[in-house]
């Protein structure tokens, strides 16, 4: 059964029909089916929209200690050194945390006696140096462990790159136009008529053409 078959059985969310000049913002896009040849002037992808969050580990970050590079939660024993975690930022992130603010990190160190931990952007890497506590971050930002994913991503990987920290696809098993879905706005994204692409898209501006955008259904 194809992905579109599953969507037709109600496993997807709202389907959006877009035509010349239409826009979509802050959506949880799952697939795009081009009914006509489509040219997008904006095609923003997300590297986090399909993350599998372990809700049992979701906690609020109650304090930041810049200089010591430490963050505080109610129960740090929910995490172990090396765990992949997702930080959802509220307000302004502490100075020194790489953009985009809401992103994947690794637990670099954790001390159970005071429920503090440090973060790294790479597994086994050095702690992120922060030079402020942020604004509106403490008591509002959250952290949660990511579940292990057992499937192999044969398309490639998602990464942060470019001056504005755009999300780029880095294909590992694809040849040809590897920057087709570059999101820095330097060129338009084109999808031929009859083609369906499966990508985690969040924002679209359709210059010309017609397409159906399939979205995820939110499950409480």
Protein backbone atom coordinates (compact mmCIF):
# COMPACT_ATOMS: atom_id res chain seq x y z
CA UNK A 1 0.00 0.00 0.00
CA UNK A 2 1.44 3.36 -1.02
CA UNK A 3 1.74 6.44 1.17
CA UNK A 4 -1.02 8.12 -0.81
CA UNK A 5 -3.24 5.07 -0.27
CA UNK A 6 -2.76 5.47 3.47
CA UNK A 7 -3.60 9.15 3.22
CA UNK A 8 -6.79 8.38 1.30
CA UNK A 9 -7.85 6.06 4.14
CA UNK A 10 -7.84 8.98 6.55
CA UNK A 11 -4.38 8.52 8.03
CA UNK A 12 -3.32 11.94 6.83
CA UNK A 13 -4.48 15.43 7.73
CA UNK A 14 -6.14 18.11 5.64
CA UNK A 15 -5.23 18.16 1.95
CA UNK A 16 -4.51 21.58 0.46
CA UNK A 17 -5.23 22.40 -3.18
CA UNK A 18 -2.88 25.17 -4.31
CA UNK A 19 -2.91 27.16 -7.55
CA UNK A 20 -1.05 30.13 -9.07
CA UNK A 21 0.03 32.58 -6.34
CA UNK A 22 -1.26 30.55 -3.39
CA UNK A 23 0.74 30.37 -0.16
CA UNK A 24 0.83 28.03 2.84
CA UNK A 25 2.57 28.71 6.14
CA UNK A 26 3.35 26.70 9.28
CA UNK A 27 1.92 23.47 7.91
CA UNK A 28 3.00 19.88 8.58
CA UNK A 29 3.40 18.94 4.94
CA UNK A 30 3.89 15.29 4.12
CA UNK A 31 3.77 15.06 0.32
CA UNK A 32 3.25 17.30 -2.69
CA UNK A 33 1.55 16.05 -5.86
CA UNK A 34 1.97 18.27 -8.91
CA UNK A 35 -1.22 18.36 -10.99
CA UNK A 36 0.46 20.82 -13.34
CA UNK A 37 4.12 21.81 -13.62
CA UNK A 38 4.80 23.78 -10.42
CA UNK A 39 7.30 26.53 -9.67
CA UNK A 40 7.74 27.53 -6.01
CA UNK A 41 9.49 30.75 -5.01
CA UNK A 42 9.48 29.57 -1.38
CA UNK A 43 9.87 25.93 -0.37
CA UNK A 44 10.85 25.63 3.28
CA UNK A 45 11.67 22.21 4.69
CA UNK A 46 11.82 21.06 8.29
CA UNK A 47 14.32 18.61 9.74
CA UNK A 48 12.21 18.13 12.87
CA UNK A 49 8.61 17.72 11.76
CA UNK A 50 8.83 13.91 11.73
CA UNK A 51 10.71 13.43 14.99
CA UNK A 52 9.54 10.68 17.33
CA UNK A 53 9.44 12.33 20.75
CA UNK A 54 9.45 10.28 23.94
CA UNK A 55 6.66 12.10 25.75
CA UNK A 56 7.57 10.46 29.06
CA UNK A 57 10.81 12.47 29.07
CA UNK A 58 9.28 15.85 28.21
CA UNK A 59 10.24 18.46 30.83
CA UNK A 60 10.44 22.21 31.20
CA UNK A 61 13.88 23.79 31.48
CA UNK A 62 13.57 25.70 34.74
CA UNK A 63 16.92 27.48 34.86
CA UNK A 64 20.02 28.34 32.83
CA UNK A 65 23.46 28.97 34.31
CA UNK A 66 25.55 30.67 31.65
CA UNK A 67 29.28 30.45 32.16
CA UNK A 68 28.80 26.96 33.59
CA UNK A 69 26.96 25.99 30.36
CA UNK A 70 24.26 24.28 32.48
CA UNK A 71 20.51 23.83 32.18
CA UNK A 72 18.20 22.64 34.98
CA UNK A 73 15.12 20.39 34.91
CA UNK A 74 13.03 18.69 37.60
CA UNK A 75 14.47 15.22 36.98
CA UNK A 76 17.68 14.88 34.98
CA UNK A 77 17.71 11.09 35.45
CA UNK A 78 15.31 10.88 32.50
CA UNK A 79 18.37 11.47 30.29
CA UNK A 80 21.82 9.91 29.94
CA UNK A 81 25.02 11.23 28.44
CA UNK A 82 24.85 10.75 24.67
CA UNK A 83 21.04 10.86 24.45
CA UNK A 84 19.57 12.71 21.46
CA UNK A 85 17.16 15.36 22.72
CA UNK A 86 14.95 18.00 21.14
CA UNK A 87 14.88 21.49 22.64
CA UNK A 88 11.80 23.59 21.93
CA UNK A 89 12.64 27.23 22.54
CA UNK A 90 10.30 29.79 24.05
CA UNK A 91 11.28 33.45 23.96
CA UNK A 92 14.94 34.04 23.09
CA UNK A 93 17.46 31.23 23.44
CA UNK A 94 20.61 31.74 25.52
CA UNK A 95 23.38 33.41 23.54
CA UNK A 96 25.62 30.76 22.06
CA UNK A 97 22.95 28.19 21.24
CA UNK A 98 23.16 27.61 17.47
CA UNK A 99 20.21 28.46 15.26
CA UNK A 100 17.59 27.35 14.53
CA UNK A 101 16.64 27.68 18.18
CA UNK A 102 14.38 24.61 18.32
CA UNK A 103 16.75 21.83 17.32
CA UNK A 104 18.31 18.46 18.07
CA UNK A 105 21.10 18.31 20.64
CA UNK A 106 22.95 15.65 22.64
CA UNK A 107 23.30 15.38 26.41
CA UNK A 108 26.96 16.18 27.03
CA UNK A 109 26.94 15.85 30.82
CA UNK A 110 24.35 15.33 33.57
CA UNK A 111 24.53 15.54 37.38
CA UNK A 112 21.70 13.95 39.33
CA UNK A 113 22.41 15.72 42.62
CA UNK A 114 21.34 19.11 41.23
CA UNK A 115 19.38 18.00 38.12
CA UNK A 116 21.62 19.93 35.75
CA UNK A 117 22.86 18.99 32.30
CA UNK A 118 24.98 20.33 29.47
CA UNK A 119 24.33 20.16 25.73
CA UNK A 120 26.41 19.44 22.64
CA UNK A 121 25.52 19.67 18.97
CA UNK A 122 27.37 16.41 18.25
CA UNK A 123 27.48 13.13 20.15
CA UNK A 124 30.58 13.10 22.32
CA UNK A 125 31.32 16.73 21.44
CA UNK A 126 32.21 19.59 23.77
CA UNK A 127 29.58 21.45 25.76
CA UNK A 128 27.91 24.40 24.05
CA UNK A 129 29.24 27.63 25.55
CA UNK A 130 26.42 30.01 26.46
CA UNK A 131 26.99 33.61 27.49
CA UNK A 132 23.48 34.58 28.61
CA UNK A 133 20.39 32.99 30.16
CA UNK A 134 18.17 34.06 27.29
CA UNK A 135 14.90 35.94 27.65
CA UNK A 136 11.61 34.15 28.33
CA UNK A 137 13.49 30.85 28.03
CA UNK A 138 13.62 29.68 31.64
CA UNK A 139 10.36 28.09 32.76
CA UNK A 140 9.02 27.89 29.20
CA UNK A 141 11.50 26.05 26.96
CA UNK A 142 11.20 22.27 26.94
CA UNK A 143 13.44 19.25 26.44
CA UNK A 144 12.48 15.70 25.43
CA UNK A 145 14.42 12.59 24.47
CA UNK A 146 14.08 11.32 20.90
CA UNK A 147 13.16 7.69 20.39
CA UNK A 148 15.57 5.53 18.43
CA UNK A 149 14.57 5.20 14.79
CA UNK A 150 15.10 1.73 13.39
CA UNK A 151 14.71 2.51 9.69
CA UNK A 152 17.51 3.60 7.38
CA UNK A 153 17.12 6.91 5.59
CA UNK A 154 18.27 5.93 2.10
CA UNK A 155 17.50 9.36 0.69
CA UNK A 156 20.22 11.07 2.68
CA UNK A 157 20.35 13.33 5.69
CA UNK A 158 19.00 16.70 6.75
CA UNK A 159 21.48 19.29 7.94
CA UNK A 160 21.80 22.91 8.97
CA UNK A 161 23.83 25.04 6.59
CA UNK A 162 24.22 28.42 4.94
CA UNK A 163 24.46 31.91 6.31
CA UNK A 164 20.82 31.90 7.45
CA UNK A 165 20.94 28.32 8.79
CA UNK A 166 18.55 26.94 6.19
CA UNK A 167 17.50 23.30 6.22
CA UNK A 168 19.15 21.54 3.28
CA UNK A 169 18.78 18.03 1.93
CA UNK A 170 22.09 16.26 1.49
CA UNK A 171 21.32 13.28 -0.75
CA UNK A 172 23.61 10.28 -0.32
CA UNK A 173 22.10 7.96 -2.93
CA UNK A 174 20.85 10.45 -5.51
CA UNK A 175 22.64 11.83 -8.54
CA UNK A 176 21.81 14.82 -10.69
CA UNK A 177 20.54 18.18 -9.45
CA UNK A 178 21.40 17.84 -5.77
CA UNK A 179 20.39 21.42 -4.91
CA UNK A 180 16.85 21.09 -6.30
CA UNK A 181 15.40 21.62 -2.85
CA UNK A 182 17.87 24.16 -1.52
CA UNK A 183 15.84 26.52 0.66
CA UNK A 184 18.00 29.63 0.64
CA UNK A 185 15.80 31.37 -1.90
CA UNK A 186 18.58 31.54 -4.52
CA UNK A 187 16.51 29.69 -7.08
CA UNK A 188 12.99 28.44 -7.59
CA UNK A 189 11.97 24.88 -6.82
CA UNK A 190 10.37 23.11 -9.77
CA UNK A 191 8.23 19.95 -9.72
CA UNK A 192 7.09 18.45 -13.01
CA UNK A 193 3.43 17.65 -13.70
CA UNK A 194 2.42 14.22 -12.42
CA UNK A 195 5.34 14.02 -9.99
CA UNK A 196 4.81 13.37 -6.26
CA UNK A 197 7.52 14.22 -3.72
CA UNK A 198 7.52 13.19 -0.07
CA UNK A 199 9.15 15.96 1.95
CA UNK A 200 8.53 17.60 5.35
CA UNK A 201 7.54 21.01 4.02
CA UNK A 202 6.37 23.84 6.30
CA UNK A 203 6.00 26.94 4.06
CA UNK A 204 5.17 27.25 0.36
CA UNK A 205 4.70 30.05 -2.16
CA UNK A 206 3.45 28.64 -5.48
CA UNK A 207 4.34 31.00 -8.32
CA UNK A 208 2.71 29.00 -11.11
CA UNK A 209 1.04 25.62 -11.43
CA UNK A 210 -1.38 23.52 -9.40
CA UNK A 211 -0.70 20.90 -6.74
CA UNK A 212 -2.14 18.99 -3.81
CA UNK A 213 -0.27 19.27 -0.50
CA UNK A 214 -0.89 16.38 1.90
CA UNK A 215 -0.40 17.07 5.61
CA UNK A 216 -0.02 15.00 8.74
CA UNK A 217 -3.01 14.52 10.98
CA UNK A 218 -2.33 15.76 14.49
CA UNK A 219 -2.97 13.02 17.05
CA UNK A 220 -3.36 14.06 20.67
